[in-house]
Amino acid sequence: MKGIEGKNVIVSAGGSGLGRAIAVVMSGYGANVTTFSRSEKKLKETVEEGLKRNNRRINTLTADLSSEQDLLKVVDDVHLKYGAIDAIVLNYGDPAVAPFMSITGSQWDYSISMMFKSTLLLTRVACKDMIERKSGRIVYVTSKMTKSPSVNFSISTSLRSAVVGLGKVLSLELGPMGINVNSISQGYFLTDRLRNIAKQRAERGEGSYDDIIENIRESVPLKRFGKPEELGELVAFLCSDEASYLTGTNIQIDGGVVTFPF
C-alpha cells in the first residue's frame, strides 16, 4: 500500500492478538512500528514474528496503557529513535466481562484509564506532530459491542462507544489539518480474549468450552472467525494513501455478525 513505508507508527497493546497482528502487518509495509505491552515475554514474541514474516524489527517497550507516565515514555522513545509521529493505532487490553452490578469501582477506574484516558493522551500528543506536518492517521480499534451490545459487556460497550464518538468529533476538527480519524468495530477473532470469554461462560455452566466456541463460529454468517492479520490489513489500508478520502467512519469487520444495515 502506498504512503506507509517510512512512516512512524505507534500501535498500542501489541504483545499478542490483534495488536500484534497490526504491528506485524504495518511493519511489513515498511512502517517504523513501535508497540508496547506489560509483558516483556509477549513483546519478544511480537519481535520474533515480525522478523520471521517481514525480516523487519518492531520497536518494543514494556508499558501499561493505564499509566500516563508509561505512555509518555513510549512517545519520547519514538521521538528519539524516529522523529515525529505519523500515525497512532489505539488497540486496548481486556476489560472485565461481568454483570454491571458486580463490577467494582476500581475495575471501572482502571478500565477508564486503560481505554479512554490513554486514548485522550496519545491522541493529544500525536496530534501535535500531525498538525505541524499537516498530515496524519488515527485509528481506534474498538469492538462490535459499539454496534451490538451484549450482557456482561458494560465496560467494553460504554468505553469503546465513547472512543468511537470521540473519533467522529476529531474527524471534524482535524480534517482541515490533513488528519484522518477512523474507528474499527471488529467481530469475532479467535484470540486469547475470545478463548478466555468462552472459558468464563463454560465455568458459569453455559455449556462446554468447545460447544461455546463452535456456537460463536456458527453465529457468523461467513461461518468462520476472522484472522488477526485481516484486521491488520484493514488498519494498514486506513493508514495508507488509498484511504485519504476516508475519515469519520466506524467500520465493521465482523463476517456479517452485526445485522443493522446502516
C-alpha atoms as a PDB file:
ATOM      1  CA  MET A   1       0.000   0.000   0.000  1.00  0.00           C
ATOM      2  CA  LYS A   2       1.206   3.485  -0.792  1.00  0.00           C
ATOM      3  CA  GLY A   3       2.126   6.015   1.838  1.00  0.00           C
ATOM      4  CA  ILE A   4       3.037   3.663   4.684  1.00  0.00           C
ATOM      5  CA  GLU A   5       6.711   2.995   4.080  1.00  0.00           C
ATOM      6  CA  GLY A   6       8.914   5.061   6.361  1.00  0.00           C
ATOM      7  CA  LYS A   7       6.009   6.339   8.468  1.00  0.00           C
ATOM      8  CA  ASN A   8       6.409   6.369  12.247  1.00  0.00           C
ATOM      9  CA  VAL A   9       3.534   4.460  13.798  1.00  0.00           C
ATOM     10  CA  ILE A  10       2.564   3.677  17.400  1.00  0.00           C
ATOM     11  CA  VAL A  11       0.436   0.556  17.913  1.00  0.00           C
ATOM     12  CA  SER A  12      -0.743   0.029  21.468  1.00  0.00           C
ATOM     13  CA  ALA A  13      -1.147  -3.352  23.196  1.00  0.00           C
ATOM     14  CA  GLY A  14       0.935  -5.181  20.608  1.00  0.00           C
ATOM     15  CA  GLY A  15       2.086  -8.096  22.740  1.00  0.00           C
ATOM     16  CA  SER A  16      -0.489 -10.528  21.381  1.00  0.00           C
ATOM     17  CA  GLY A  17      -3.706 -10.955  19.417  1.00  0.00           C
ATOM     18  CA  LEU A  18      -4.968  -8.148  17.247  1.00  0.00           C
ATOM     19  CA  GLY A  19      -2.357  -5.645  18.413  1.00  0.00           C
ATOM     20  CA  ARG A  20       0.476  -7.972  17.434  1.00  0.00           C
ATOM     21  CA  ALA A  21      -1.103  -8.643  14.035  1.00  0.00           C
ATOM     22  CA  ILE A  22      -1.491  -4.925  13.362  1.00  0.00           C
ATOM     23  CA  ALA A  23       2.117  -4.235  14.319  1.00  0.00           C
ATOM     24  CA  VAL A  24       3.451  -7.056  12.130  1.00  0.00           C
ATOM     25  CA  VAL A  25       1.327  -6.118   9.094  1.00  0.00           C
ATOM     26  CA  MET A  26       2.210  -2.425   9.350  1.00  0.00           C
ATOM     27  CA  SER A  27       5.885  -3.279   9.706  1.00  0.00           C
ATOM     28  CA  GLY A  28       5.623  -5.483   6.629  1.00  0.00           C
ATOM     29  CA  TYR A  29       4.534  -2.454   4.613  1.00  0.00           C
ATOM     30  CA  GLY A  30       7.670  -0.626   5.691  1.00  0.00           C
ATOM     31  CA  ALA A  31       6.392   1.436   8.624  1.00  0.00           C
ATOM     32  CA  ASN A  32       8.624   2.164  11.611  1.00  0.00           C
ATOM     33  CA  VAL A  33       6.381   0.483  14.167  1.00  0.00           C
ATOM     34  CA  THR A  34       6.638   0.976  17.909  1.00  0.00           C
ATOM     35  CA  THR A  35       4.410  -1.132  20.105  1.00  0.00           C
ATOM     36  CA  PHE A  36       4.173  -1.832  23.811  1.00  0.00           C
ATOM     37  CA  SER A  37       2.688  -4.184  26.367  1.00  0.00           C
ATOM     38  CA  ARG A  38       3.075  -5.005  30.040  1.00  0.00           C
ATOM     39  CA  SER A  39       4.613  -8.387  29.137  1.00  0.00           C
ATOM     40  CA  GLU A  40       8.220  -8.395  28.003  1.00  0.00           C
ATOM     41  CA  LYS A  41       7.888 -12.063  27.028  1.00  0.00           C
ATOM     42  CA  LYS A  42       4.976 -11.358  24.692  1.00  0.00           C
ATOM     43  CA  LEU A  43       6.794  -8.409  23.151  1.00  0.00           C
ATOM     44  CA  LYS A  44       9.738 -10.671  22.339  1.00  0.00           C
ATOM     45  CA  GLU A  45       7.311 -12.961  20.534  1.00  0.00           C
ATOM     46  CA  THR A  46       5.988  -9.990  18.559  1.00  0.00           C
ATOM     47  CA  VAL A  47       9.535  -9.047  17.533  1.00  0.00           C
ATOM     48  CA  GLU A  48      10.230 -12.649  16.507  1.00  0.00           C
ATOM     49  CA  GLU A  49       7.082 -12.795  14.384  1.00  0.00           C
ATOM     50  CA  GLY A  50       7.926  -9.519  12.678  1.00  0.00           C
ATOM     51  CA  LEU A  51      11.403 -10.773  11.839  1.00  0.00           C
ATOM     52  CA  LYS A  52      10.078 -14.125  10.630  1.00  0.00           C
ATOM     53  CA  ARG A  53       7.361 -12.693   8.389  1.00  0.00           C
ATOM     54  CA  ASN A  54       8.934  -9.488   7.145  1.00  0.00           C
ATOM     55  CA  ASN A  55      12.587  -9.556   8.178  1.00  0.00           C
ATOM     56  CA  ARG A  56      11.911  -6.251   9.918  1.00  0.00           C
ATOM     57  CA  ARG A  57      12.384  -5.429  13.589  1.00  0.00           C
ATOM     58  CA  ILE A  58       9.496  -3.916  15.502  1.00  0.00           C
ATOM     59  CA  ASN A  59      10.475  -1.443  18.222  1.00  0.00           C
ATOM     60  CA  THR A  60       9.006  -2.548  21.576  1.00  0.00           C
ATOM     61  CA  LEU A  61       8.762  -1.199  25.109  1.00  0.00           C
ATOM     62  CA  THR A  62       7.211  -2.527  28.299  1.00  0.00           C
ATOM     63  CA  ALA A  63       4.471  -0.086  29.246  1.00  0.00           C
ATOM     64  CA  ASP A  64       0.974  -0.056  30.732  1.00  0.00           C
ATOM     65  CA  LEU A  65      -1.834   1.647  28.816  1.00  0.00           C
ATOM     66  CA  SER A  66      -3.334   2.855  32.084  1.00  0.00           C
ATOM     67  CA  SER A  67      -0.145   4.722  33.087  1.00  0.00           C
ATOM     68  CA  GLU A  68       0.324   8.267  31.810  1.00  0.00           C
ATOM     69  CA  GLN A  69       3.997   8.105  32.688  1.00  0.00           C
ATOM     70  CA  ASP A  70       4.451   4.923  30.648  1.00  0.00           C
ATOM     71  CA  LEU A  71       2.651   6.378  27.644  1.00  0.00           C
ATOM     72  CA  LEU A  72       4.824   9.479  27.667  1.00  0.00           C
ATOM     73  CA  LYS A  73       7.860   7.180  27.840  1.00  0.00           C
ATOM     74  CA  VAL A  74       6.683   5.478  24.644  1.00  0.00           C
ATOM     75  CA  VAL A  75       6.173   8.809  22.885  1.00  0.00           C
ATOM     76  CA  ASP A  76       9.615  10.039  23.941  1.00  0.00           C
ATOM     77  CA  ASP A  77      11.188   6.831  22.623  1.00  0.00           C
ATOM     78  CA  VAL A  78       9.537   7.266  19.213  1.00  0.00           C
ATOM     79  CA  HIS A  79      10.639  10.889  19.000  1.00  0.00           C
ATOM     80  CA  LEU A  80      14.178   9.944  19.916  1.00  0.00           C
ATOM     81  CA  LYS A  81      14.511   6.989  17.520  1.00  0.00           C
ATOM     82  CA  TYR A  82      12.384   8.041  14.562  1.00  0.00           C
ATOM     83  CA  GLY A  83      11.145  11.610  14.858  1.00  0.00           C
ATOM     84  CA  ALA A  84       7.589  12.883  14.540  1.00  0.00           C
ATOM     85  CA  ILE A  85       4.619  10.529  14.886  1.00  0.00           C
ATOM     86  CA  ASP A  86       2.737   9.933  11.617  1.00  0.00           C
ATOM     87  CA  ALA A  87       0.033   7.547  12.834  1.00  0.00           C
ATOM     88  CA  ILE A  88      -1.351   6.018  16.003  1.00  0.00           C
ATOM     89  CA  VAL A  89      -3.390   2.840  16.278  1.00  0.00           C
ATOM     90  CA  LEU A  90      -5.160   2.520  19.609  1.00  0.00           C
ATOM     91  CA  ASN A  91      -5.806  -1.109  20.482  1.00  0.00           C
ATOM     92  CA  TYR A  92      -6.728  -1.978  24.050  1.00  0.00           C
ATOM     93  CA  GLY A  93      -6.329  -4.598  26.735  1.00  0.00           C
ATOM     94  CA  ASP A  94      -9.162  -6.724  28.068  1.00  0.00           C
ATOM     95  CA  PRO A  95     -11.709  -5.058  30.361  1.00  0.00           C
ATOM     96  CA  ALA A  96     -13.707  -7.138  32.813  1.00  0.00           C
ATOM     97  CA  VAL A  97     -16.592  -9.188  31.420  1.00  0.00           C
ATOM     98  CA  ALA A  98     -19.176  -9.349  34.201  1.00  0.00           C
ATOM     99  CA  PRO A  99     -22.667  -8.216  35.191  1.00  0.00           C
ATOM    100  CA  PHE A 100     -22.813  -4.473  35.768  1.00  0.00           C
ATOM    101  CA  MET A 101     -23.731  -4.802  39.451  1.00  0.00           C
ATOM    102  CA  SER A 102     -20.694  -6.974  40.203  1.00  0.00           C
ATOM    103  CA  ILE A 103     -18.111  -4.628  38.673  1.00  0.00           C
ATOM    104  CA  THR A 104     -16.167  -2.698  41.311  1.00  0.00           C
ATOM    105  CA  GLY A 105     -15.246   0.952  41.281  1.00  0.00           C
ATOM    106  CA  SER A 106     -11.572   0.089  40.977  1.00  0.00           C
ATOM    107  CA  GLN A 107     -12.292  -2.019  37.878  1.00  0.00           C
ATOM    108  CA  TRP A 108     -14.086   0.942  36.313  1.00  0.00           C
ATOM    109  CA  ASP A 109     -11.246   3.286  37.245  1.00  0.00           C
ATOM    110  CA  TYR A 110      -8.625   1.007  35.704  1.00  0.00           C
ATOM    111  CA  SER A 111     -10.644   0.471  32.530  1.00  0.00           C
ATOM    112  CA  ILE A 112     -11.336   4.179  32.098  1.00  0.00           C
ATOM    113  CA  SER A 113      -7.614   4.878  32.377  1.00  0.00           C
ATOM    114  CA  MET A 114      -6.630   1.961  30.161  1.00  0.00           C
ATOM    115  CA  MET A 115      -9.173   2.559  27.396  1.00  0.00           C
ATOM    116  CA  PHE A 116     -10.299   6.176  27.429  1.00  0.00           C
ATOM    117  CA  LYS A 117      -7.696   8.302  29.185  1.00  0.00           C
ATOM    118  CA  SER A 118      -4.930   6.571  27.206  1.00  0.00           C
ATOM    119  CA  THR A 119      -6.776   7.489  24.016  1.00  0.00           C
ATOM    120  CA  LEU A 120      -7.001  11.120  25.040  1.00  0.00           C
ATOM    121  CA  LEU A 121      -3.330  11.334  25.973  1.00  0.00           C
ATOM    122  CA  LEU A 122      -1.825   9.541  22.974  1.00  0.00           C
ATOM    123  CA  THR A 123      -4.134  11.350  20.557  1.00  0.00           C
ATOM    124  CA  ARG A 124      -3.329  14.751  22.014  1.00  0.00           C
ATOM    125  CA  VAL A 125       0.426  14.171  21.898  1.00  0.00           C
ATOM    126  CA  ALA A 126       0.445  12.620  18.423  1.00  0.00           C
ATOM    127  CA  CYS A 127      -1.780  15.368  17.019  1.00  0.00           C
ATOM    128  CA  LYS A 128       0.861  17.955  17.850  1.00  0.00           C
ATOM    129  CA  ASP A 129       3.220  16.224  15.403  1.00  0.00           C
ATOM    130  CA  MET A 130       0.491  15.658  12.825  1.00  0.00           C
ATOM    131  CA  ILE A 131      -0.824  19.216  12.893  1.00  0.00           C
ATOM    132  CA  GLU A 132       2.668  20.583  12.401  1.00  0.00           C
ATOM    133  CA  ARG A 133       3.133  18.362   9.335  1.00  0.00           C
ATOM    134  CA  LYS A 134      -0.481  18.768   8.126  1.00  0.00           C
ATOM    135  CA  SER A 135      -0.779  15.008   7.772  1.00  0.00           C
ATOM    136  CA  GLY A 136      -1.646  12.050   9.960  1.00  0.00           C
ATOM    137  CA  ARG A 137      -3.724   8.965  10.601  1.00  0.00           C
ATOM    138  CA  ILE A 138      -5.554   7.937  13.761  1.00  0.00           C
ATOM    139  CA  VAL A 139      -7.266   4.544  14.061  1.00  0.00           C
ATOM    140  CA  TYR A 140      -9.234   3.364  17.087  1.00  0.00           C
ATOM    141  CA  VAL A 141      -9.750  -0.407  17.312  1.00  0.00           C
ATOM    142  CA  THR A 142     -12.906  -0.968  19.351  1.00  0.00           C
ATOM    143  CA  SER A 143     -15.419  -3.848  19.149  1.00  0.00           C
ATOM    144  CA  LYS A 144     -18.720  -4.939  17.682  1.00  0.00           C
ATOM    145  CA  MET A 145     -20.118  -4.033  21.110  1.00  0.00           C
ATOM    146  CA  THR A 146     -20.307  -0.428  19.878  1.00  0.00           C
ATOM    147  CA  LYS A 147     -22.997  -1.555  17.424  1.00  0.00           C
ATOM    148  CA  SER A 148     -24.430  -4.710  19.003  1.00  0.00           C
ATOM    149  CA  PRO A 149     -24.045  -4.753  22.815  1.00  0.00           C
ATOM    150  CA  SER A 150     -24.296  -7.935  24.865  1.00  0.00           C
ATOM    151  CA  VAL A 151     -24.954  -8.683  28.525  1.00  0.00           C
ATOM    152  CA  ASN A 152     -21.881  -8.556  30.805  1.00  0.00           C
ATOM    153  CA  PHE A 153     -20.089  -6.153  28.471  1.00  0.00           C
ATOM    154  CA  SER A 154     -20.981  -2.839  30.109  1.00  0.00           C
ATOM    155  CA  ILE A 155     -17.360  -1.683  30.395  1.00  0.00           C
ATOM    156  CA  SER A 156     -16.442  -2.633  26.841  1.00  0.00           C
ATOM    157  CA  THR A 157     -19.626  -1.227  25.318  1.00  0.00           C
ATOM    158  CA  SER A 158     -19.663   2.104  27.133  1.00  0.00           C
ATOM    159  CA  LEU A 159     -15.962   2.959  26.890  1.00  0.00           C
ATOM    160  CA  ARG A 160     -15.447   1.742  23.326  1.00  0.00           C
ATOM    161  CA  SER A 161     -18.552   3.666  22.256  1.00  0.00           C
ATOM    162  CA  ALA A 162     -17.059   6.757  23.863  1.00  0.00           C
ATOM    163  CA  VAL A 163     -13.896   6.230  21.806  1.00  0.00           C
ATOM    164  CA  VAL A 164     -15.940   5.941  18.605  1.00  0.00           C
ATOM    165  CA  GLY A 165     -17.784   9.161  19.461  1.00  0.00           C
ATOM    166  CA  LEU A 166     -14.513  10.927  20.141  1.00  0.00           C
ATOM    167  CA  GLY A 167     -13.176   9.739  16.786  1.00  0.00           C
ATOM    168  CA  LYS A 168     -16.139  11.245  14.950  1.00  0.00           C
ATOM    169  CA  VAL A 169     -15.687  14.638  16.590  1.00  0.00           C
ATOM    170  CA  LEU A 170     -11.950  14.578  15.937  1.00  0.00           C
ATOM    171  CA  SER A 171     -12.512  13.771  12.272  1.00  0.00           C
ATOM    172  CA  LEU A 172     -14.469  17.031  12.010  1.00  0.00           C
ATOM    173  CA  GLU A 173     -11.961  19.093  13.945  1.00  0.00           C
ATOM    174  CA  LEU A 174      -8.772  17.630  12.486  1.00  0.00           C
ATOM    175  CA  GLY A 175      -9.850  17.029   8.891  1.00  0.00           C
ATOM    176  CA  PRO A 176      -8.939  20.576   7.773  1.00  0.00           C
ATOM    177  CA  MET A 177      -5.434  19.890   9.124  1.00  0.00           C
ATOM    178  CA  GLY A 178      -4.899  16.801   6.954  1.00  0.00           C
ATOM    179  CA  ILE A 179      -5.571  14.253   9.696  1.00  0.00           C
ATOM    180  CA  ASN A 180      -7.887  11.304   9.095  1.00  0.00           C
ATOM    181  CA  VAL A 181      -9.594   9.651  12.077  1.00  0.00           C
ATOM    182  CA  ASN A 182     -11.451   6.340  11.845  1.00  0.00           C
ATOM    183  CA  SER A 183     -12.660   3.560  14.130  1.00  0.00           C
ATOM    184  CA  ILE A 184     -12.973  -0.181  13.651  1.00  0.00           C
ATOM    185  CA  SER A 185     -15.662  -2.320  15.284  1.00  0.00           C
ATOM    186  CA  GLN A 186     -14.385  -5.856  14.855  1.00  0.00           C
ATOM    187  CA  GLY A 187     -16.332  -9.034  15.413  1.00  0.00           C
ATOM    188  CA  TYR A 188     -15.148 -12.474  16.415  1.00  0.00           C
ATOM    189  CA  PHE A 189     -11.443 -13.206  16.010  1.00  0.00           C
ATOM    190  CA  LEU A 190     -10.092 -16.359  17.683  1.00  0.00           C
ATOM    191  CA  THR A 191      -7.665 -14.607  20.016  1.00  0.00           C
ATOM    192  CA  ASP A 192      -6.855 -15.257  23.664  1.00  0.00           C
ATOM    193  CA  ARG A 193      -9.540 -12.710  24.548  1.00  0.00           C
ATOM    194  CA  LEU A 194     -12.283 -14.758  22.882  1.00  0.00           C
ATOM    195  CA  ARG A 195     -10.921 -18.013  24.303  1.00  0.00           C
ATOM    196  CA  ASN A 196     -10.975 -16.555  27.824  1.00  0.00           C
ATOM    197  CA  ILE A 197     -14.562 -15.352  27.391  1.00  0.00           C
ATOM    198  CA  ALA A 198     -15.572 -18.837  26.251  1.00  0.00           C
ATOM    199  CA  LYS A 199     -13.825 -20.362  29.288  1.00  0.00           C
ATOM    200  CA  GLN A 200     -15.696 -17.987  31.620  1.00  0.00           C
ATOM    201  CA  ARG A 201     -19.003 -18.941  30.031  1.00  0.00           C
ATOM    202  CA  ALA A 202     -18.156 -22.621  30.368  1.00  0.00           C
ATOM    203  CA  GLU A 203     -17.321 -22.107  34.049  1.00  0.00           C
ATOM    204  CA  ARG A 204     -20.740 -20.478  34.529  1.00  0.00           C
ATOM    205  CA  GLY A 205     -22.341 -23.663  33.200  1.00  0.00           C
ATOM    206  CA  GLU A 206     -23.395 -22.321  29.804  1.00  0.00           C
ATOM    207  CA  GLY A 207     -22.015 -25.390  28.040  1.00  0.00           C
ATOM    208  CA  SER A 208     -18.682 -26.932  27.223  1.00  0.00           C
ATOM    209  CA  TYR A 209     -15.837 -24.741  26.012  1.00  0.00           C
ATOM    210  CA  ASP A 210     -15.778 -26.457  22.611  1.00  0.00           C
ATOM    211  CA  ASP A 211     -19.544 -26.074  22.151  1.00  0.00           C
ATOM    212  CA  ILE A 212     -19.424 -22.390  23.066  1.00  0.00           C
ATOM    213  CA  ILE A 213     -16.615 -21.738  20.574  1.00  0.00           C
ATOM    214  CA  GLU A 214     -18.489 -23.650  17.874  1.00  0.00           C
ATOM    215  CA  ASN A 215     -21.760 -21.789  18.586  1.00  0.00           C
ATOM    216  CA  ILE A 216     -19.991 -18.453  18.270  1.00  0.00           C
ATOM    217  CA  ARG A 217     -18.436 -19.562  14.993  1.00  0.00           C
ATOM    218  CA  GLU A 218     -21.831 -20.684  13.692  1.00  0.00           C
ATOM    219  CA  SER A 219     -23.347 -17.287  14.579  1.00  0.00           C
ATOM    220  CA  VAL A 220     -21.086 -15.659  11.993  1.00  0.00           C
ATOM    221  CA  PRO A 221     -22.711 -15.562   8.524  1.00  0.00           C
ATOM    222  CA  LEU A 222     -19.356 -16.428   6.928  1.00  0.00           C
ATOM    223  CA  LYS A 223     -19.109 -19.405   9.318  1.00  0.00           C
ATOM    224  CA  ARG A 224     -15.574 -18.670  10.441  1.00  0.00           C
ATOM    225  CA  PHE A 225     -13.604 -16.455  12.788  1.00  0.00           C
ATOM    226  CA  GLY A 226     -11.667 -13.516  11.482  1.00  0.00           C
ATOM    227  CA  LYS A 227      -7.912 -13.825  11.082  1.00  0.00           C
ATOM    228  CA  PRO A 228      -5.964 -11.207  13.085  1.00  0.00           C
ATOM    229  CA  GLU A 229      -3.920 -10.299  10.002  1.00  0.00           C
ATOM    230  CA  GLU A 230      -7.169  -9.441   8.187  1.00  0.00           C
ATOM    231  CA  LEU A 231      -7.787  -6.728  10.735  1.00  0.00           C
ATOM    232  CA  GLY A 232      -4.140  -5.695  10.384  1.00  0.00           C
ATOM    233  CA  GLU A 233      -4.654  -5.221   6.650  1.00  0.00           C
ATOM    234  CA  LEU A 234      -7.691  -3.012   7.286  1.00  0.00           C
ATOM    235  CA  VAL A 235      -5.689  -0.835   9.670  1.00  0.00           C
ATOM    236  CA  ALA A 236      -2.887  -0.594   7.126  1.00  0.00           C
ATOM    237  CA  PHE A 237      -5.396   0.479   4.484  1.00  0.00           C
ATOM    238  CA  LEU A 238      -6.771   3.212   6.744  1.00  0.00           C
ATOM    239  CA  CYS A 239      -3.226   4.485   7.261  1.00  0.00           C
ATOM    240  CA  SER A 240      -2.400   4.400   3.539  1.00  0.00           C
ATOM    241  CA  ASP A 241      -2.734   6.950   0.754  1.00  0.00           C
ATOM    242  CA  GLU A 242      -5.528   4.842  -0.741  1.00  0.00           C
ATOM    243  CA  ALA A 243      -7.750   5.801   2.213  1.00  0.00           C
ATOM    244  CA  SER A 244      -7.012   9.519   2.017  1.00  0.00           C
ATOM    245  CA  TYR A 245     -10.716  10.409   1.499  1.00  0.00           C
ATOM    246  CA  LEU A 246     -11.946   8.142   4.284  1.00  0.00           C
ATOM    247  CA  THR A 247     -12.476   9.731   7.691  1.00  0.00           C
ATOM    248  CA  GLY A 248     -15.053   9.837  10.467  1.00  0.00           C
ATOM    249  CA  THR A 249     -16.164   6.245   9.896  1.00  0.00           C
ATOM    250  CA  ASN A 250     -16.721   3.305  12.237  1.00  0.00           C
ATOM    251  CA  ILE A 251     -16.021   0.279  10.079  1.00  0.00           C
ATOM    252  CA  GLN A 252     -17.329  -3.226  10.797  1.00  0.00           C
ATOM    253  CA  ILE A 253     -15.098  -6.208  10.101  1.00  0.00           C
ATOM    254  CA  ASP A 254     -17.181  -8.996  11.532  1.00  0.00           C
ATOM    255  CA  GLY A 255     -18.117 -11.564   8.898  1.00  0.00           C
ATOM    256  CA  GLY A 256     -21.637 -10.116   8.844  1.00  0.00           C
ATOM    257  CA  VAL A 257     -22.498 -10.566  12.534  1.00  0.00           C
ATOM    258  CA  VAL A 258     -23.952  -7.078  13.047  1.00  0.00           C
ATOM    259  CA  THR A 259     -27.211  -7.092  11.129  1.00  0.00           C
ATOM    260  CA  PHE A 260     -28.180  -3.420  11.321  1.00  0.00           C
ATOM    261  CA  PRO A 261     -27.826  -2.206   7.700  1.00  0.00           C
ATOM    262  CA  PHE A 262     -26.751   1.393   8.292  1.00  0.00           C
END
